[in-house]
Amino acid sequence: MHSTVSAVSRAIAAADLREPVIPVHSNVTSLRYRTVTSIKHQLVNQLCKAVRWEQTMHVLYGRRVGADFPQTFEVGPGRHLGFLLQQINAKAYAQYSHVQV
């Protein structure tokens, strides 16, 4: 993927992106995107860095003791995120559903 960094970087730099209106997290840092600059930077980083699903799920499902968890839907042919959620947070997994498409 290193060979594609410069081409993808140019394409992302030219893209007209806007700040997210809903929470969107980087799968490189697990942190929420706040600015267009950070989005563009992290999209390039994604090409060559490991995806941090577990860390991102800890951020997304962090709650105070006793707080409810949101319903979570995994849409698609696999159940990979559900399996990971089950391993990380059983209470959050209780609100998980898979939608086969």
N, C-alpha and C. Protein backbone atom coordinates (compact mmCIF):
# COMPACT_ATOMS: atom_id res chain seq x y z
N MET A 1 0.81 -1.20 0.00
CA MET A 1 0.00 0.00 0.00
C MET A 1 0.86 1.27 0.00
N HIS A 2 2.11 1.14 0.39
CA HIS A 2 2.97 2.33 0.43
C HIS A 2 3.08 2.98 -0.94
N SER A 3 3.00 2.18 -2.00
CA SER A 3 3.13 2.73 -3.34
C SER A 3 1.94 3.60 -3.74
N THR A 4 0.83 3.47 -3.05
CA THR A 4 -0.36 4.25 -3.40
C THR A 4 -0.50 5.54 -2.58
N VAL A 5 0.35 5.73 -1.60
CA VAL A 5 0.20 6.86 -0.68
C VAL A 5 0.20 8.20 -1.40
N SER A 6 1.13 8.43 -2.30
CA SER A 6 1.20 9.75 -2.94
C SER A 6 -0.02 10.01 -3.81
N ALA A 7 -0.48 9.03 -4.55
CA ALA A 7 -1.66 9.22 -5.41
C ALA A 7 -2.92 9.45 -4.57
N VAL A 8 -3.08 8.65 -3.53
CA VAL A 8 -4.25 8.81 -2.66
C VAL A 8 -4.17 10.14 -1.92
N SER A 9 -2.99 10.52 -1.48
CA SER A 9 -2.81 11.78 -0.78
C SER A 9 -3.23 12.97 -1.66
N ARG A 10 -2.85 12.95 -2.91
CA ARG A 10 -3.25 14.02 -3.84
C ARG A 10 -4.75 14.04 -4.03
N ALA A 11 -5.36 12.87 -4.18
CA ALA A 11 -6.81 12.81 -4.38
C ALA A 11 -7.56 13.32 -3.15
N ILE A 12 -7.09 12.94 -1.97
CA ILE A 12 -7.74 13.38 -0.74
C ILE A 12 -7.56 14.89 -0.54
N ALA A 13 -6.37 15.40 -0.86
CA ALA A 13 -6.11 16.83 -0.73
C ALA A 13 -7.05 17.64 -1.63
N ALA A 14 -7.39 17.09 -2.79
CA ALA A 14 -8.27 17.78 -3.73
C ALA A 14 -9.75 17.60 -3.41
N ALA A 15 -10.07 16.66 -2.55
CA ALA A 15 -11.47 16.36 -2.24
C ALA A 15 -12.09 17.47 -1.40
N ASP A 16 -13.36 17.73 -1.66
CA ASP A 16 -14.11 18.73 -0.91
C ASP A 16 -14.80 18.03 0.25
N LEU A 17 -14.12 17.97 1.39
CA LEU A 17 -14.68 17.32 2.57
C LEU A 17 -15.23 18.38 3.52
N ARG A 18 -16.17 17.97 4.36
CA ARG A 18 -16.73 18.85 5.38
C ARG A 18 -16.62 18.18 6.73
N GLU A 19 -16.69 18.98 7.77
CA GLU A 19 -16.66 18.42 9.12
C GLU A 19 -17.87 17.53 9.32
N PRO A 20 -17.71 16.39 9.97
CA PRO A 20 -18.83 15.47 10.16
C PRO A 20 -19.93 16.08 11.02
N VAL A 21 -21.18 15.75 10.68
CA VAL A 21 -22.31 16.22 11.48
C VAL A 21 -22.73 15.17 12.51
N ILE A 22 -22.21 13.97 12.36
CA ILE A 22 -22.40 12.90 13.34
C ILE A 22 -21.02 12.43 13.77
N PRO A 23 -20.90 11.79 14.92
CA PRO A 23 -19.57 11.31 15.35
C PRO A 23 -19.00 10.27 14.38
N VAL A 24 -17.80 10.52 13.91
CA VAL A 24 -17.08 9.60 13.03
C VAL A 24 -15.69 9.42 13.64
N HIS A 25 -15.28 8.16 13.79
CA HIS A 25 -14.00 7.87 14.44
C HIS A 25 -12.99 7.34 13.44
N SER A 26 -11.74 7.71 13.64
CA SER A 26 -10.64 7.20 12.83
C SER A 26 -10.34 5.77 13.25
N ASN A 27 -10.17 4.89 12.28
CA ASN A 27 -9.79 3.52 12.64
C ASN A 27 -8.28 3.38 12.81
N VAL A 28 -7.55 4.49 12.70
CA VAL A 28 -6.11 4.49 12.95
C VAL A 28 -5.81 4.93 14.38
N THR A 29 -6.55 5.92 14.87
CA THR A 29 -6.31 6.45 16.21
C THR A 29 -7.41 6.09 17.20
N SER A 30 -8.56 5.70 16.72
CA SER A 30 -9.79 5.44 17.47
C SER A 30 -10.41 6.73 18.01
N LEU A 31 -9.85 7.87 17.67
CA LEU A 31 -10.38 9.14 18.13
C LEU A 31 -11.38 9.71 17.13
N ARG A 32 -12.25 10.57 17.63
CA ARG A 32 -13.27 11.18 16.79
C ARG A 32 -12.64 12.24 15.89
N TYR A 33 -13.06 12.24 14.63
CA TYR A 33 -12.63 13.28 13.71
C TYR A 33 -13.26 14.60 14.14
N ARG A 34 -12.46 15.65 14.18
CA ARG A 34 -12.97 16.97 14.58
C ARG A 34 -12.85 17.99 13.45
N THR A 35 -11.83 17.85 12.60
CA THR A 35 -11.59 18.85 11.55
C THR A 35 -11.36 18.15 10.22
N VAL A 36 -11.57 18.89 9.15
CA VAL A 36 -11.31 18.37 7.82
C VAL A 36 -9.83 18.03 7.66
N THR A 37 -8.96 18.85 8.23
CA THR A 37 -7.52 18.59 8.16
C THR A 37 -7.18 17.23 8.78
N SER A 38 -7.75 16.94 9.95
CA SER A 38 -7.45 15.66 10.59
C SER A 38 -8.03 14.49 9.79
N ILE A 39 -9.19 14.69 9.19
CA ILE A 39 -9.78 13.63 8.36
C ILE A 39 -8.85 13.31 7.20
N LYS A 40 -8.42 14.31 6.50
CA LYS A 40 -7.54 14.10 5.34
C LYS A 40 -6.24 13.43 5.75
N HIS A 41 -5.67 13.86 6.86
CA HIS A 41 -4.41 13.27 7.33
C HIS A 41 -4.60 11.80 7.70
N GLN A 42 -5.66 11.50 8.44
CA GLN A 42 -5.86 10.12 8.89
C GLN A 42 -6.28 9.18 7.76
N LEU A 43 -6.98 9.69 6.77
CA LEU A 43 -7.34 8.83 5.63
C LEU A 43 -6.10 8.34 4.90
N VAL A 44 -5.10 9.20 4.79
CA VAL A 44 -3.83 8.79 4.18
C VAL A 44 -3.14 7.78 5.09
N ASN A 45 -3.13 8.03 6.39
CA ASN A 45 -2.49 7.11 7.34
C ASN A 45 -3.12 5.72 7.32
N GLN A 46 -4.41 5.64 7.05
CA GLN A 46 -5.11 4.35 7.03
C GLN A 46 -4.52 3.37 6.04
N LEU A 47 -3.93 3.87 5.00
CA LEU A 47 -3.42 2.99 3.95
C LEU A 47 -2.35 2.04 4.46
N CYS A 48 -1.54 2.50 5.40
CA CYS A 48 -0.38 1.71 5.81
C CYS A 48 -0.35 1.36 7.29
N LYS A 49 -1.33 1.78 8.04
CA LYS A 49 -1.34 1.51 9.47
C LYS A 49 -2.41 0.50 9.83
N ALA A 50 -2.22 -0.14 10.95
CA ALA A 50 -3.16 -1.16 11.41
C ALA A 50 -4.49 -0.53 11.80
N VAL A 51 -5.56 -1.26 11.53
CA VAL A 51 -6.90 -0.86 11.96
C VAL A 51 -7.03 -1.18 13.45
N ARG A 52 -7.54 -0.24 14.21
CA ARG A 52 -7.63 -0.40 15.66
C ARG A 52 -9.09 -0.57 16.09
N TRP A 53 -9.70 -1.67 15.62
CA TRP A 53 -11.11 -1.92 15.92
C TRP A 53 -11.36 -2.03 17.41
N GLU A 54 -10.54 -2.78 18.11
CA GLU A 54 -10.77 -2.99 19.53
C GLU A 54 -10.72 -1.67 20.30
N GLN A 55 -9.70 -0.86 20.04
CA GLN A 55 -9.59 0.42 20.73
C GLN A 55 -10.75 1.34 20.38
N THR A 56 -11.17 1.32 19.11
CA THR A 56 -12.29 2.15 18.69
C THR A 56 -13.58 1.71 19.38
N MET A 57 -13.78 0.42 19.51
CA MET A 57 -14.99 -0.07 20.18
C MET A 57 -14.99 0.30 21.67
N HIS A 58 -13.83 0.30 22.30
CA HIS A 58 -13.76 0.75 23.69
C HIS A 58 -14.18 2.22 23.80
N VAL A 59 -13.75 3.03 22.85
CA VAL A 59 -14.14 4.44 22.85
C VAL A 59 -15.64 4.58 22.62
N LEU A 60 -16.16 3.86 21.63
CA LEU A 60 -17.58 3.98 21.27
C LEU A 60 -18.52 3.48 22.36
N TYR A 61 -18.11 2.43 23.07
CA TYR A 61 -18.99 1.81 24.04
C TYR A 61 -18.64 2.13 25.49
N GLY A 62 -17.77 3.08 25.70
CA GLY A 62 -17.46 3.51 27.06
C GLY A 62 -18.68 4.19 27.67
N ARG A 63 -19.11 3.74 28.83
CA ARG A 63 -20.29 4.27 29.51
C ARG A 63 -20.04 4.35 31.01
N ARG A 64 -20.79 5.23 31.66
CA ARG A 64 -20.80 5.24 33.12
C ARG A 64 -21.47 3.96 33.59
N VAL A 65 -21.15 3.52 34.78
CA VAL A 65 -21.77 2.34 35.36
C VAL A 65 -23.28 2.56 35.42
N GLY A 66 -24.03 1.61 34.91
CA GLY A 66 -25.48 1.68 34.92
C GLY A 66 -26.10 2.35 33.72
N ALA A 67 -25.29 3.00 32.88
CA ALA A 67 -25.82 3.67 31.69
C ALA A 67 -26.20 2.63 30.63
N ASP A 68 -27.24 2.94 29.88
CA ASP A 68 -27.70 2.04 28.82
C ASP A 68 -26.77 2.08 27.62
N PHE A 69 -26.73 0.98 26.89
CA PHE A 69 -25.96 0.91 25.66
C PHE A 69 -26.91 1.08 24.48
N PRO A 70 -26.43 1.69 23.39
CA PRO A 70 -27.28 1.87 22.22
C PRO A 70 -27.48 0.55 21.48
N GLN A 71 -28.53 0.50 20.68
CA GLN A 71 -28.67 -0.65 19.79
C GLN A 71 -27.58 -0.54 18.74
N THR A 72 -26.99 -1.68 18.43
CA THR A 72 -25.93 -1.73 17.43
C THR A 72 -26.34 -2.70 16.34
N PHE A 73 -26.23 -2.27 15.09
CA PHE A 73 -26.59 -3.11 13.96
C PHE A 73 -25.37 -3.30 13.07
N GLU A 74 -25.07 -4.54 12.76
CA GLU A 74 -24.02 -4.84 11.80
C GLU A 74 -24.72 -5.30 10.53
N VAL A 75 -24.48 -4.58 9.46
CA VAL A 75 -25.16 -4.85 8.19
C VAL A 75 -24.16 -5.44 7.22
N GLY A 76 -24.47 -6.61 6.69
CA GLY A 76 -23.60 -7.22 5.71
C GLY A 76 -23.49 -8.72 5.91
N PRO A 77 -22.63 -9.33 5.14
CA PRO A 77 -22.57 -10.80 5.15
C PRO A 77 -21.85 -11.40 6.36
N GLY A 78 -21.04 -10.65 7.06
CA GLY A 78 -20.28 -11.22 8.17
C GLY A 78 -20.76 -10.72 9.51
N ARG A 79 -20.18 -11.30 10.56
CA ARG A 79 -20.52 -10.90 11.93
C ARG A 79 -19.24 -10.59 12.72
N HIS A 80 -18.26 -10.06 12.03
CA HIS A 80 -16.95 -9.83 12.64
C HIS A 80 -17.00 -8.78 13.75
N LEU A 81 -17.70 -7.68 13.50
CA LEU A 81 -17.77 -6.64 14.52
C LEU A 81 -18.57 -7.11 15.73
N GLY A 82 -19.62 -7.88 15.49
CA GLY A 82 -20.39 -8.44 16.59
C GLY A 82 -19.57 -9.38 17.44
N PHE A 83 -18.77 -10.21 16.81
CA PHE A 83 -17.90 -11.12 17.55
C PHE A 83 -16.92 -10.33 18.41
N LEU A 84 -16.34 -9.31 17.83
CA LEU A 84 -15.40 -8.48 18.57
C LEU A 84 -16.10 -7.77 19.73
N LEU A 85 -17.29 -7.24 19.48
CA LEU A 85 -18.04 -6.57 20.54
C LEU A 85 -18.37 -7.54 21.67
N GLN A 86 -18.71 -8.77 21.33
CA GLN A 86 -19.03 -9.78 22.34
C GLN A 86 -17.82 -10.02 23.24
N GLN A 87 -16.63 -10.03 22.66
CA GLN A 87 -15.41 -10.26 23.43
C GLN A 87 -15.05 -9.07 24.31
N ILE A 88 -15.39 -7.87 23.85
CA ILE A 88 -14.98 -6.64 24.53
C ILE A 88 -15.99 -6.20 25.59
N ASN A 89 -17.28 -6.29 25.25
CA ASN A 89 -18.28 -5.72 26.14
C ASN A 89 -19.59 -6.50 26.02
N ALA A 90 -19.81 -7.44 26.92
CA ALA A 90 -20.99 -8.31 26.86
C ALA A 90 -22.28 -7.52 27.02
N LYS A 91 -22.29 -6.47 27.84
CA LYS A 91 -23.51 -5.67 28.01
C LYS A 91 -23.87 -4.92 26.73
N ALA A 92 -22.89 -4.40 26.05
CA ALA A 92 -23.15 -3.74 24.77
C ALA A 92 -23.60 -4.77 23.73
N TYR A 93 -23.01 -5.95 23.78
CA TYR A 93 -23.37 -7.00 22.82
C TYR A 93 -24.83 -7.42 22.98
N ALA A 94 -25.39 -7.30 24.16
CA ALA A 94 -26.80 -7.65 24.38
C ALA A 94 -27.72 -6.78 23.53
N GLN A 95 -27.24 -5.62 23.08
CA GLN A 95 -28.03 -4.73 22.22
C GLN A 95 -27.64 -4.84 20.75
N TYR A 96 -26.89 -5.85 20.40
CA TYR A 96 -26.36 -6.05 19.04
C TYR A 96 -27.33 -6.89 18.21
N SER A 97 -27.47 -6.51 16.95
CA SER A 97 -28.24 -7.30 15.99
C SER A 97 -27.48 -7.34 14.67
N HIS A 98 -27.59 -8.47 13.99
CA HIS A 98 -26.98 -8.61 12.67
C HIS A 98 -28.07 -8.55 11.62
N VAL A 99 -27.82 -7.80 10.55
CA VAL A 99 -28.77 -7.69 9.45
C VAL A 99 -28.10 -8.29 8.22
N GLN A 100 -28.59 -9.42 7.79
CA GLN A 100 -28.04 -10.10 6.61
C GLN A 100 -28.51 -9.39 5.34
N VAL A 101 -27.59 -9.12 4.43
CA VAL A 101 -27.97 -8.52 3.14
C VAL A 101 -27.45 -9.37 2.01
